[in-house]
């Protein structure tokens, strides 16, 4: 009976230690968001990514399936932005981004709440047009810095240079040594029958030594 009590106590201690290792802050029920979403005043296209962040932690992200909206008042239709957090994050500010662009709208993290929130971010077309205009302005040339053509000036063509081909200095002695080395064949190896004879003699010698010991 005492052994059973000891086993139960050990299991309880293990569960307590596991809960402590998992963290002191338990998670809470998430908050759900839905509403309209626009980019540059126009409905955001399907496939737009909406991300929710609490502090520096990303707490939820979805990809829209319809133009100009995310989620729906009817939970059964799905598509809502689910924001998860812990008990310590309740009451903190939630910031939103649309395709990586920060939206000015924010909310407060409230567990189990369902919040309607329209999101809007500026479009990127204006900045692109300004950049192209700046680029075209930068490409204009100063008339005073343009080159003038002088017809009296004679074009001088540098003389063509012929690269000299270096000829290696090969000594006759080295050539003779190389030819002699090439004519010499590889070292002759023992024929197969000689190797077999050596093996037979070695076996016979070993057998005779064994017979003498007996």
Protein backbone atom coordinates (compact mmCIF):
# COMPACT_ATOMS: atom_id res chain seq x y z
CA UNK A 1 0.00 0.00 0.00
CA UNK A 2 2.86 2.37 0.87
CA UNK A 3 4.49 1.59 -2.47
CA UNK A 4 1.32 2.57 -4.36
CA UNK A 5 1.15 5.87 -2.46
CA UNK A 6 4.79 6.52 -3.34
CA UNK A 7 4.15 5.89 -7.04
CA UNK A 8 1.17 8.26 -7.04
CA UNK A 9 3.23 10.94 -5.28
CA UNK A 10 6.02 10.61 -7.85
CA UNK A 11 3.53 10.96 -10.73
CA UNK A 12 2.01 14.08 -9.17
CA UNK A 13 5.44 15.63 -8.70
CA UNK A 14 6.22 14.88 -12.36
CA UNK A 15 3.05 16.60 -13.52
CA UNK A 16 3.77 19.66 -11.39
CA UNK A 17 7.34 19.85 -12.68
CA UNK A 18 6.11 19.55 -16.29
CA UNK A 19 3.63 22.36 -15.80
CA UNK A 20 6.34 24.57 -14.30
CA UNK A 21 8.70 23.82 -17.20
CA UNK A 22 5.99 24.68 -19.73
CA UNK A 23 5.77 28.20 -18.31
CA UNK A 24 3.93 30.05 -15.59
CA UNK A 25 1.64 31.95 -18.01
CA UNK A 26 -1.24 29.80 -19.30
CA UNK A 27 -2.81 30.47 -22.70
CA UNK A 28 -6.29 31.97 -22.93
CA UNK A 29 -9.09 31.71 -25.46
CA UNK A 30 -8.33 33.60 -28.70
CA UNK A 31 -9.95 36.72 -30.09
CA UNK A 32 -11.58 36.67 -33.54
CA UNK A 33 -11.58 39.52 -36.09
CA UNK A 34 -13.46 40.15 -39.33
CA UNK A 35 -14.23 43.14 -41.54
CA UNK A 36 -13.30 44.98 -44.71
CA UNK A 37 -9.79 45.49 -46.06
CA UNK A 38 -8.64 48.05 -48.64
CA UNK A 39 -5.30 48.90 -50.25
CA UNK A 40 -4.95 52.45 -51.53
CA UNK A 41 -8.70 52.96 -51.22
CA UNK A 42 -9.52 49.93 -53.40
CA UNK A 43 -10.74 46.53 -52.20
CA UNK A 44 -7.81 44.28 -51.41
CA UNK A 45 -7.63 41.34 -53.83
CA UNK A 46 -8.12 37.75 -52.76
CA UNK A 47 -4.89 36.27 -51.44
CA UNK A 48 -4.04 39.33 -49.35
CA UNK A 49 -2.14 38.40 -46.17
CA UNK A 50 -3.28 40.00 -42.90
CA UNK A 51 -1.06 39.59 -39.84
CA UNK A 52 -1.76 40.46 -36.19
CA UNK A 53 1.07 41.22 -33.75
CA UNK A 54 1.20 41.82 -30.00
CA UNK A 55 4.43 43.59 -29.15
CA UNK A 56 7.09 41.80 -31.17
CA UNK A 57 5.21 38.49 -31.31
CA UNK A 58 3.12 37.43 -34.30
CA UNK A 59 -0.15 36.13 -32.87
CA UNK A 60 -2.23 35.36 -35.96
CA UNK A 61 -2.24 35.48 -39.75
CA UNK A 62 -4.70 34.69 -42.54
CA UNK A 63 -4.92 34.89 -46.32
CA UNK A 64 -8.14 36.37 -47.66
CA UNK A 65 -10.31 34.36 -50.02
CA UNK A 66 -12.58 37.20 -51.19
CA UNK A 67 -11.87 40.68 -52.51
CA UNK A 68 -12.26 43.54 -50.04
CA UNK A 69 -13.03 41.53 -46.91
CA UNK A 70 -11.72 39.02 -44.41
CA UNK A 71 -13.86 36.76 -42.29
CA UNK A 72 -17.60 37.12 -41.84
CA UNK A 73 -20.08 37.94 -39.06
CA UNK A 74 -21.32 34.37 -39.43
CA UNK A 75 -18.73 32.16 -37.75
CA UNK A 76 -19.84 29.17 -39.81
CA UNK A 77 -18.48 30.82 -42.98
CA UNK A 78 -14.98 30.91 -41.48
CA UNK A 79 -12.14 33.09 -42.69
CA UNK A 80 -11.81 35.10 -39.49
CA UNK A 81 -8.45 36.29 -38.18
CA UNK A 82 -7.75 34.29 -35.01
CA UNK A 83 -5.46 36.09 -32.54
CA UNK A 84 -3.98 33.90 -29.80
CA UNK A 85 -2.22 35.02 -26.64
CA UNK A 86 -1.51 34.37 -22.98
CA UNK A 87 -3.01 35.72 -19.79
CA UNK A 88 -0.19 38.27 -19.53
CA UNK A 89 -1.05 39.65 -22.98
CA UNK A 90 -4.71 40.36 -22.20
CA UNK A 91 -5.28 44.11 -22.52
CA UNK A 92 -2.22 44.72 -24.70
CA UNK A 93 -2.42 46.46 -28.07
CA UNK A 94 -2.79 44.42 -31.26
CA UNK A 95 -1.29 45.91 -34.42
CA UNK A 96 -2.14 44.77 -37.93
CA UNK A 97 -0.34 44.66 -41.27
CA UNK A 98 -1.69 44.04 -44.77
CA UNK A 99 0.79 42.39 -47.14
CA UNK A 100 3.56 43.56 -44.82
CA UNK A 101 2.35 47.20 -44.71
CA UNK A 102 1.38 48.46 -41.23
CA UNK A 103 -2.25 49.49 -40.88
CA UNK A 104 -3.18 52.48 -38.67
CA UNK A 105 -6.01 50.53 -37.04
CA UNK A 106 -5.31 48.75 -33.73
CA UNK A 107 -7.27 46.79 -31.14
CA UNK A 108 -6.93 45.54 -27.57
CA UNK A 109 -6.46 41.84 -26.97
CA UNK A 110 -9.60 40.52 -25.29
CA UNK A 111 -9.99 36.80 -24.73
CA UNK A 112 -13.08 35.19 -26.32
CA UNK A 113 -14.12 38.47 -28.01
CA UNK A 114 -15.41 38.73 -31.59
CA UNK A 115 -14.43 42.10 -33.08
CA UNK A 116 -15.41 43.76 -36.37
CA UNK A 117 -12.49 45.87 -37.62
CA UNK A 118 -11.99 47.41 -41.06
CA UNK A 119 -8.35 47.60 -42.14
CA UNK A 120 -6.84 49.97 -44.70
CA UNK A 121 -3.30 50.63 -45.91
CA UNK A 122 -1.98 53.07 -48.52
CA UNK A 123 -1.23 51.82 -52.00
CA UNK A 124 2.28 51.56 -53.42
CA UNK A 125 1.51 53.19 -56.81
CA UNK A 126 2.26 56.77 -55.71
CA UNK A 127 5.74 56.05 -54.43
CA UNK A 128 6.57 54.12 -57.58
CA UNK A 129 5.53 57.05 -59.80
CA UNK A 130 7.64 59.46 -57.76
CA UNK A 131 10.63 57.18 -58.08
CA UNK A 132 10.26 56.96 -61.84
CA UNK A 133 9.93 60.74 -62.08
CA UNK A 134 13.06 61.19 -60.02
CA UNK A 135 14.86 58.72 -62.20
CA UNK A 136 13.88 60.54 -65.39
CA UNK A 137 14.93 63.85 -63.86
CA UNK A 138 18.28 62.45 -62.88
CA UNK A 139 18.92 61.22 -66.40
CA UNK A 140 18.77 64.75 -67.92
CA UNK A 141 22.14 65.93 -69.21
CA UNK A 142 23.82 69.28 -68.71
CA UNK A 143 24.26 70.94 -72.16
CA UNK A 144 27.51 72.47 -71.02
CA UNK A 145 28.99 69.09 -70.24
CA UNK A 146 28.27 67.54 -73.65
CA UNK A 147 31.22 66.55 -75.82
CA UNK A 148 31.80 68.46 -79.10
CA UNK A 149 33.14 66.89 -82.28
CA UNK A 150 36.24 68.45 -83.82
CA UNK A 151 36.47 67.50 -87.54
CA UNK A 152 40.12 68.65 -87.73
CA UNK A 153 41.21 66.25 -85.03
CA UNK A 154 42.81 63.12 -86.43
CA UNK A 155 41.99 59.83 -84.85
CA UNK A 156 45.08 58.06 -83.77
CA UNK A 157 45.06 54.33 -83.75
CA UNK A 158 47.63 52.71 -81.49
CA UNK A 159 49.89 50.30 -83.32
CA UNK A 160 48.91 46.71 -82.99
CA UNK A 161 51.21 44.73 -80.82
CA UNK A 162 51.95 41.14 -81.51
CA UNK A 163 52.30 39.00 -78.46
CA UNK A 164 55.51 37.07 -78.54
CA UNK A 165 55.13 33.37 -78.03
CA UNK A 166 57.60 32.13 -75.49
CA UNK A 167 59.44 29.02 -76.57
CA UNK A 168 60.45 26.78 -73.69
CA UNK A 169 64.15 26.14 -73.42
CA UNK A 170 64.48 22.37 -73.63
CA UNK A 171 67.92 20.96 -73.23
CA UNK A 172 69.02 18.02 -75.44
CA UNK A 173 70.01 16.08 -72.33
CA UNK A 174 66.49 16.33 -70.92
CA UNK A 175 65.00 15.17 -74.25
CA UNK A 176 67.31 12.18 -74.35
CA UNK A 177 66.45 11.22 -70.77
CA UNK A 178 62.73 11.48 -71.51
CA UNK A 179 63.06 9.27 -74.61
CA UNK A 180 65.07 6.70 -72.68
CA UNK A 181 62.47 6.63 -69.91
CA UNK A 182 59.66 6.18 -72.44
CA UNK A 183 61.39 3.25 -74.15
CA UNK A 184 61.93 1.42 -70.90
CA UNK A 185 59.04 -0.87 -70.06
CA UNK A 186 57.61 -1.44 -66.63
CA UNK A 187 59.38 -3.73 -64.21
CA UNK A 188 58.74 -7.35 -65.07
CA UNK A 189 56.62 -9.16 -62.52
CA UNK A 190 56.96 -12.82 -61.52
CA UNK A 191 55.00 -15.20 -63.72
CA UNK A 192 51.92 -16.87 -62.31
CA UNK A 193 53.48 -20.34 -62.17
CA UNK A 194 56.35 -19.02 -60.06
CA UNK A 195 53.96 -17.52 -57.52
CA UNK A 196 52.00 -20.78 -57.38
CA UNK A 197 55.22 -22.73 -56.80
CA UNK A 198 56.19 -20.47 -53.92
CA UNK A 199 52.78 -20.98 -52.29
CA UNK A 200 53.03 -24.78 -52.65
CA UNK A 201 56.50 -24.83 -51.12
CA UNK A 202 55.36 -22.70 -48.20
CA UNK A 203 52.42 -25.03 -47.52
CA UNK A 204 54.65 -28.10 -47.71
CA UNK A 205 57.15 -26.55 -45.32
CA UNK A 206 54.41 -25.74 -42.83
CA UNK A 207 53.03 -29.29 -43.06
CA UNK A 208 56.44 -30.83 -42.43
CA UNK A 209 56.96 -28.68 -39.37
CA UNK A 210 53.62 -29.80 -37.97
CA UNK A 211 54.49 -33.46 -38.56
CA UNK A 212 57.77 -33.11 -36.71
CA UNK A 213 56.09 -31.59 -33.71
CA UNK A 214 53.72 -34.55 -33.49
